[in-house]
N, C-alpha and C. Protein backbone atom coordinates (compact mmCIF):
# COMPACT_ATOMS: atom_id res chain seq x y z
N MET A 1 0.82 -1.19 0.00
CA MET A 1 -0.03 0.05 0.06
C MET A 1 0.88 1.30 0.03
N LEU A 2 0.61 2.15 -0.90
CA LEU A 2 1.35 3.37 -1.05
C LEU A 2 0.79 4.45 -0.01
N LEU A 3 1.69 5.16 0.55
CA LEU A 3 1.15 6.23 1.47
C LEU A 3 0.69 7.46 0.62
N ARG A 4 -0.41 8.10 1.04
CA ARG A 4 -0.88 9.28 0.43
C ARG A 4 -0.75 10.48 1.32
N CYS A 5 -0.72 11.59 0.73
CA CYS A 5 -0.66 12.87 1.45
C CYS A 5 -2.05 13.00 2.07
N PRO A 6 -2.08 13.27 3.36
CA PRO A 6 -3.31 13.46 4.07
C PRO A 6 -4.19 14.81 3.63
N ASN A 7 -3.40 15.67 2.98
CA ASN A 7 -4.08 16.96 2.54
C ASN A 7 -4.50 16.84 1.13
N CYS A 8 -3.74 16.53 0.21
CA CYS A 8 -4.16 16.53 -1.24
C CYS A 8 -4.32 15.14 -1.81
N HIS A 9 -4.05 14.05 -1.02
CA HIS A 9 -4.17 12.66 -1.35
C HIS A 9 -3.19 12.26 -2.54
N SER A 10 -2.12 13.03 -2.73
CA SER A 10 -1.22 12.62 -3.74
C SER A 10 -0.24 11.54 -3.33
N HIS A 11 0.28 10.74 -4.23
CA HIS A 11 1.29 9.73 -3.94
C HIS A 11 2.65 10.36 -4.13
N ASP A 12 2.75 11.49 -4.70
CA ASP A 12 4.08 12.13 -5.06
C ASP A 12 4.78 12.70 -3.78
N LEU A 13 5.24 11.76 -3.03
CA LEU A 13 5.96 12.09 -1.79
C LEU A 13 7.38 11.80 -1.97
N GLY A 14 8.25 12.76 -1.42
CA GLY A 14 9.67 12.49 -1.35
C GLY A 14 10.29 12.39 0.05
N LYS A 15 11.30 11.59 0.07
CA LYS A 15 11.91 11.36 1.39
C LYS A 15 12.95 12.48 1.62
N VAL A 16 12.76 13.16 2.79
CA VAL A 16 13.69 14.21 3.14
C VAL A 16 14.50 13.91 4.36
N GLY A 17 14.35 12.80 5.01
CA GLY A 17 15.17 12.34 6.16
C GLY A 17 14.68 11.04 6.61
N THR A 18 15.30 10.49 7.66
CA THR A 18 14.84 9.29 8.25
C THR A 18 13.45 9.42 8.72
N ASN A 19 12.55 8.65 8.19
CA ASN A 19 11.05 8.68 8.63
C ASN A 19 10.41 9.92 8.31
N GLN A 20 11.00 10.70 7.33
CA GLN A 20 10.30 11.99 7.04
C GLN A 20 10.01 12.07 5.51
N LEU A 21 8.80 12.49 5.20
CA LEU A 21 8.35 12.65 3.88
C LEU A 21 7.80 14.00 3.58
N TYR A 22 7.82 14.42 2.24
CA TYR A 22 7.57 15.73 1.86
C TYR A 22 6.63 15.57 0.67
N CYS A 23 5.45 16.36 0.71
CA CYS A 23 4.53 16.36 -0.42
C CYS A 23 4.90 17.38 -1.46
N TRP A 24 5.13 17.04 -2.61
CA TRP A 24 5.62 17.92 -3.73
C TRP A 24 4.44 18.75 -4.22
N HIS A 25 3.18 18.28 -3.87
CA HIS A 25 2.02 19.10 -4.50
C HIS A 25 1.57 20.18 -3.47
N CYS A 26 1.45 19.86 -2.19
CA CYS A 26 0.94 20.90 -1.28
C CYS A 26 2.03 21.29 -0.30
N TYR A 27 3.16 20.90 -0.28
CA TYR A 27 4.39 21.35 0.38
C TYR A 27 4.23 21.18 1.94
N ILE A 28 3.67 19.93 2.31
CA ILE A 28 3.72 19.74 3.74
C ILE A 28 4.65 18.59 3.97
N GLU A 29 5.18 18.55 5.21
CA GLU A 29 6.13 17.49 5.63
C GLU A 29 5.50 16.66 6.68
N MET A 30 5.82 15.37 6.70
CA MET A 30 5.19 14.52 7.72
C MET A 30 6.33 13.47 8.25
N THR A 31 6.19 13.09 9.42
CA THR A 31 6.97 12.03 10.01
C THR A 31 6.13 10.83 10.06
N ILE A 32 6.74 9.69 9.71
CA ILE A 32 6.02 8.36 9.73
C ILE A 32 6.68 7.39 10.50
N ASP A 33 5.94 6.36 10.91
CA ASP A 33 6.48 5.23 11.65
C ASP A 33 5.80 4.03 10.90
N GLY A 34 6.64 3.43 10.07
CA GLY A 34 6.16 2.38 9.14
C GLY A 34 5.14 2.91 8.06
N SER A 35 3.87 2.59 8.19
CA SER A 35 2.92 3.18 7.19
C SER A 35 2.02 4.13 7.98
N ASP A 36 2.28 4.45 9.21
CA ASP A 36 1.42 5.40 9.97
C ASP A 36 2.04 6.82 9.98
N ILE A 37 1.21 7.77 9.75
CA ILE A 37 1.67 9.20 9.88
C ILE A 37 1.61 9.60 11.35
N GLN A 38 2.71 10.05 11.85
CA GLN A 38 2.80 10.48 13.29
C GLN A 38 2.61 11.97 13.50
N ASN A 39 3.13 12.81 12.66
CA ASN A 39 3.08 14.21 12.75
C ASN A 39 3.02 14.83 11.29
N ILE A 40 2.36 15.99 11.19
CA ILE A 40 2.22 16.67 9.93
C ILE A 40 2.53 18.13 10.13
N TYR A 41 3.44 18.73 9.27
CA TYR A 41 3.81 20.15 9.37
C TYR A 41 3.67 20.86 8.11
N GLN A 42 3.40 22.12 8.20
CA GLN A 42 3.47 23.06 7.08
C GLN A 42 4.86 23.64 7.14
N VAL A 43 5.52 23.73 6.00
CA VAL A 43 6.80 24.31 5.89
C VAL A 43 6.62 25.82 5.65
N GLU A 44 7.06 26.67 6.48
CA GLU A 44 6.98 28.05 6.33
C GLU A 44 8.02 28.68 5.45
N GLU A 45 7.92 29.91 5.06
CA GLU A 45 8.87 30.58 4.12
C GLU A 45 10.22 30.61 4.70
N ASP A 46 10.34 30.79 5.96
CA ASP A 46 11.69 30.79 6.58
C ASP A 46 12.30 29.45 6.87
N GLY A 47 11.52 28.43 6.49
CA GLY A 47 12.10 27.03 6.75
C GLY A 47 11.59 26.35 8.01
N SER A 48 10.86 27.16 8.87
CA SER A 48 10.38 26.65 10.17
C SER A 48 9.07 25.74 9.83
N LEU A 49 8.73 24.90 10.76
CA LEU A 49 7.57 24.01 10.69
C LEU A 49 6.54 24.38 11.57
N THR A 50 5.23 24.43 11.19
CA THR A 50 4.16 24.62 11.91
C THR A 50 3.27 23.38 11.86
N SER A 51 3.00 22.89 13.12
CA SER A 51 2.18 21.69 13.21
C SER A 51 0.78 21.77 12.66
N LEU A 52 0.37 20.70 11.97
CA LEU A 52 -0.98 20.66 11.39
C LEU A 52 -1.66 19.41 12.02
N ASN A 53 -1.10 18.84 13.03
CA ASN A 53 -1.71 17.67 13.67
C ASN A 53 -3.19 17.90 14.07
N ASP A 54 -3.57 18.93 14.57
CA ASP A 54 -4.91 19.17 15.05
C ASP A 54 -5.89 19.19 13.86
N LEU A 55 -5.43 19.37 12.59
CA LEU A 55 -6.31 19.31 11.43
C LEU A 55 -6.42 17.95 10.82
N PHE A 56 -5.38 17.14 10.89
CA PHE A 56 -5.28 15.85 10.18
C PHE A 56 -5.30 14.59 11.03
N LEU A 57 -4.80 14.68 12.29
CA LEU A 57 -4.69 13.49 13.12
C LEU A 57 -5.70 13.47 14.23
N ASP A 58 -6.28 12.26 14.47
CA ASP A 58 -7.33 12.19 15.47
C ASP A 58 -6.86 12.36 16.90
N GLU A 59 -5.65 11.87 17.14
CA GLU A 59 -5.17 11.97 18.56
C GLU A 59 -3.71 12.70 18.43
N PRO A 60 -3.37 13.48 19.44
CA PRO A 60 -2.03 14.05 19.47
C PRO A 60 -1.06 12.87 19.58
N SER A 61 0.07 13.09 18.94
CA SER A 61 1.14 12.12 18.92
C SER A 61 1.86 12.11 20.29
N ASN A 62 1.90 13.25 20.95
CA ASN A 62 2.57 13.27 22.23
C ASN A 62 1.63 14.10 23.19
N PRO A 63 0.85 13.37 23.91
CA PRO A 63 -0.21 13.99 24.75
C PRO A 63 0.39 15.02 25.74
N GLN A 64 1.74 14.87 26.13
CA GLN A 64 2.29 15.73 27.12
C GLN A 64 2.47 17.11 26.58
N GLU A 65 2.41 17.32 25.22
CA GLU A 65 2.56 18.60 24.57
C GLU A 65 1.32 19.43 24.77
N TYR A 66 0.24 18.77 25.10
CA TYR A 66 -1.04 19.48 25.15
C TYR A 66 -1.55 19.60 26.60
N THR A 67 -2.15 20.64 26.95
CA THR A 67 -2.73 20.76 28.31
C THR A 67 -4.15 20.66 28.28
N ALA A 68 -4.63 20.02 29.34
CA ALA A 68 -6.19 19.80 29.43
C ALA A 68 -6.91 21.05 29.72
N LEU A 69 -8.07 21.19 29.22
CA LEU A 69 -8.92 22.39 29.44
C LEU A 69 -9.58 22.26 30.80
């Protein structure tokens, strides 16, 4: 099974590091574990990453990062 981009559903993903993929269509980066997406980021103009986990993932990958309301 090929992994698809969770945003644009493209198969056109490039490997940018160990367990890191980049979508060439919508310019998001994701970390994977096997065939599971762990984190999703938008690459900003300055090269920094902004998390998109709250938009695409059901559960936070690291619950300690989030505080309870």
